[in-house]
Amino acid sequence: MIIGVPKEIKDNEFRVGIVPGGVEELVLAGHQVLIEKGAGAGSVISDKDFQDAGAKIVTKKDLFRRADLILKVKEPQPSEYSLIRAGQILFCYFHFAASQKLTEAILKIKSIAIAYETLRLPSGEHPLLTPMSEVAGK
């Protein structure tokens, strides 16, 4: 599978959807990882760090064109909607209930949206949402 990690463009979002260790694991599992140039800068992760882990550095347009799966932190922004393809898997925090525009855009595009905030363990815990709540306060 080709996995793409774009640079986050939402205001005041400096995280990146993967760290070099995650890239290394995906590459070892046989996947190709594409990272948008400068995607890790806000998290003090260089393009070279990602390359050393096995990723290829590409443009945003090339990343969205080639990737089967897009890993982001935050929901796609309106300027990214035209880059998303039907059938492309998007894995990020979506918070669909907060944005009718986003919900309608993703439905119209016919991509596959997997929202971090909806994932649950058999115990009922939310493994991706709980740490965020602990950091922000409940």
Protein backbone atom coordinates (compact mmCIF):
# COMPACT_ATOMS: atom_id res chain seq x y z
CA MET A 1 0.00 0.00 0.00
CA ILE A 2 1.15 3.54 -0.64
CA ILE A 3 0.68 5.67 2.47
CA GLY A 4 0.87 9.46 2.28
CA VAL A 5 1.43 11.93 5.09
CA PRO A 6 0.76 15.55 4.11
CA LYS A 7 1.81 18.67 5.96
CA GLU A 8 -0.95 19.90 8.27
CA ILE A 9 -2.34 23.23 7.13
CA LYS A 10 -4.98 23.95 9.76
CA ASP A 11 -4.18 27.11 11.75
CA ASN A 12 -1.94 26.45 14.75
CA GLU A 13 -1.53 22.74 13.97
CA PHE A 14 2.14 21.79 14.07
CA ARG A 15 1.92 18.03 14.52
CA VAL A 16 2.57 15.48 11.78
CA GLY A 17 0.60 12.27 11.18
CA ILE A 18 3.56 9.92 11.70
CA VAL A 19 7.05 9.89 13.20
CA PRO A 20 10.14 8.32 11.62
CA GLY A 21 9.78 5.18 13.75
CA GLY A 22 6.30 4.64 12.32
CA VAL A 23 7.63 5.13 8.80
CA GLU A 24 10.31 2.54 9.46
CA GLU A 25 7.72 -0.01 10.67
CA LEU A 26 5.47 0.56 7.65
CA VAL A 27 8.38 0.24 5.22
CA LEU A 28 9.54 -2.97 6.95
CA ALA A 29 5.99 -4.30 6.50
CA GLY A 30 6.30 -3.71 2.75
CA HIS A 31 4.49 -0.40 2.36
CA GLN A 32 5.70 2.69 0.53
CA VAL A 33 5.52 5.90 2.57
CA LEU A 34 5.30 9.33 0.97
CA ILE A 35 5.85 12.42 3.12
CA GLU A 36 5.07 15.92 1.91
CA LYS A 37 8.16 18.12 1.89
CA GLY A 38 8.36 19.95 5.23
CA ALA A 39 5.53 17.95 6.84
CA GLY A 40 7.49 17.37 10.05
CA ALA A 41 8.99 20.84 10.44
CA GLY A 42 6.46 21.96 13.06
CA SER A 43 7.31 18.87 15.12
CA VAL A 44 11.06 19.35 14.63
CA ILE A 45 11.30 16.30 12.33
CA SER A 46 13.33 16.93 9.18
CA ASP A 47 12.74 15.55 5.72
CA LYS A 48 16.09 13.77 6.13
CA ASP A 49 14.81 12.04 9.30
CA PHE A 50 11.87 10.69 7.29
CA GLN A 51 14.12 9.71 4.37
CA ASP A 52 16.50 7.88 6.69
CA ALA A 53 13.48 5.90 7.95
CA GLY A 54 12.62 4.91 4.36
CA ALA A 55 10.09 7.53 3.24
CA LYS A 56 10.11 9.39 -0.05
CA ILE A 57 9.70 13.17 0.09
CA VAL A 58 7.17 14.45 -2.45
CA THR A 59 4.90 17.41 -3.21
CA LYS A 60 1.41 17.64 -1.74
CA LYS A 61 -0.14 17.16 -5.18
CA ASP A 62 1.95 14.06 -5.92
CA LEU A 63 1.23 12.63 -2.47
CA PHE A 64 -2.54 12.88 -2.84
CA ARG A 65 -2.36 11.60 -6.44
CA ARG A 66 -0.37 8.48 -5.53
CA ALA A 67 -1.39 7.50 -1.99
CA ASP A 68 -3.99 4.82 -1.26
CA LEU A 69 -4.15 5.91 2.39
CA ILE A 70 -3.71 9.45 3.72
CA LEU A 71 -2.63 9.81 7.37
CA LYS A 72 -3.32 13.23 8.86
CA VAL A 73 -3.77 14.65 12.31
CA LYS A 74 -6.61 17.09 11.69
CA GLU A 75 -9.52 17.02 9.25
CA PRO A 76 -8.94 17.92 5.60
CA GLN A 77 -9.17 21.64 4.99
CA PRO A 78 -11.29 23.08 2.14
CA SER A 79 -8.19 23.69 0.00
CA GLU A 80 -7.43 19.95 0.19
CA TYR A 81 -10.88 18.69 -0.87
CA SER A 82 -10.02 18.83 -4.58
CA LEU A 83 -6.93 16.67 -3.97
CA ILE A 84 -8.87 13.77 -2.40
CA ARG A 85 -9.99 10.93 -4.70
CA ALA A 86 -12.99 8.62 -4.58
CA GLY A 87 -12.01 5.42 -2.78
CA GLN A 88 -8.95 6.99 -1.16
CA ILE A 89 -8.75 6.19 2.55
CA LEU A 90 -8.40 9.15 4.93
CA PHE A 91 -7.39 8.46 8.53
CA CYS A 92 -7.49 11.49 10.84
CA TYR A 93 -9.55 13.36 13.42
CA PHE A 94 -12.66 14.39 11.46
CA HIS A 95 -15.17 15.64 14.08
CA PHE A 96 -17.93 15.42 11.45
CA ALA A 97 -20.60 16.56 13.91
CA ALA A 98 -18.91 19.96 14.04
CA SER A 99 -18.85 20.56 10.28
CA GLN A 100 -21.67 19.91 7.87
CA LYS A 101 -19.51 21.33 5.05
CA LEU A 102 -16.75 18.77 5.69
CA THR A 103 -19.25 15.92 5.99
CA GLU A 104 -20.92 16.84 2.71
CA ALA A 105 -17.56 17.26 0.94
CA ILE A 106 -16.30 13.83 2.00
CA LEU A 107 -19.62 12.20 1.02
CA LYS A 108 -19.54 13.91 -2.37
CA ILE A 109 -15.93 12.83 -3.01
CA LYS A 110 -16.78 9.24 -1.97
CA SER A 111 -13.54 8.70 -0.10
CA ILE A 112 -13.29 6.28 2.80
CA ALA A 113 -13.13 8.28 6.03
CA ILE A 114 -11.89 6.67 9.24
CA ALA A 115 -12.12 9.06 12.18
CA TYR A 116 -9.59 8.65 14.98
CA GLU A 117 -12.17 9.79 17.50
CA THR A 118 -14.54 6.90 16.70
CA LEU A 119 -12.10 4.01 17.18
CA ARG A 120 -12.85 1.87 20.22
CA LEU A 121 -11.16 -1.05 21.91
CA PRO A 122 -13.31 -4.02 23.00
CA SER A 123 -13.15 -2.50 26.51
CA GLY A 124 -14.96 0.59 25.19
CA GLU A 125 -11.91 2.82 25.54
CA HIS A 126 -11.03 5.29 22.80
CA PRO A 127 -7.26 4.72 22.34
CA LEU A 128 -6.72 7.75 20.11
CA LEU A 129 -9.14 10.16 21.76
CA THR A 130 -8.33 9.41 25.42
CA PRO A 131 -4.72 10.72 25.32
CA MET A 132 -5.93 13.93 23.69
CA SER A 133 -8.57 14.37 26.38
CA GLU A 134 -5.99 13.80 29.09
CA VAL A 135 -3.72 16.45 27.63
CA ALA A 136 -6.56 18.96 27.13
CA GLY A 137 -8.42 18.11 30.33
CA LYS A 138 -11.78 16.42 30.48
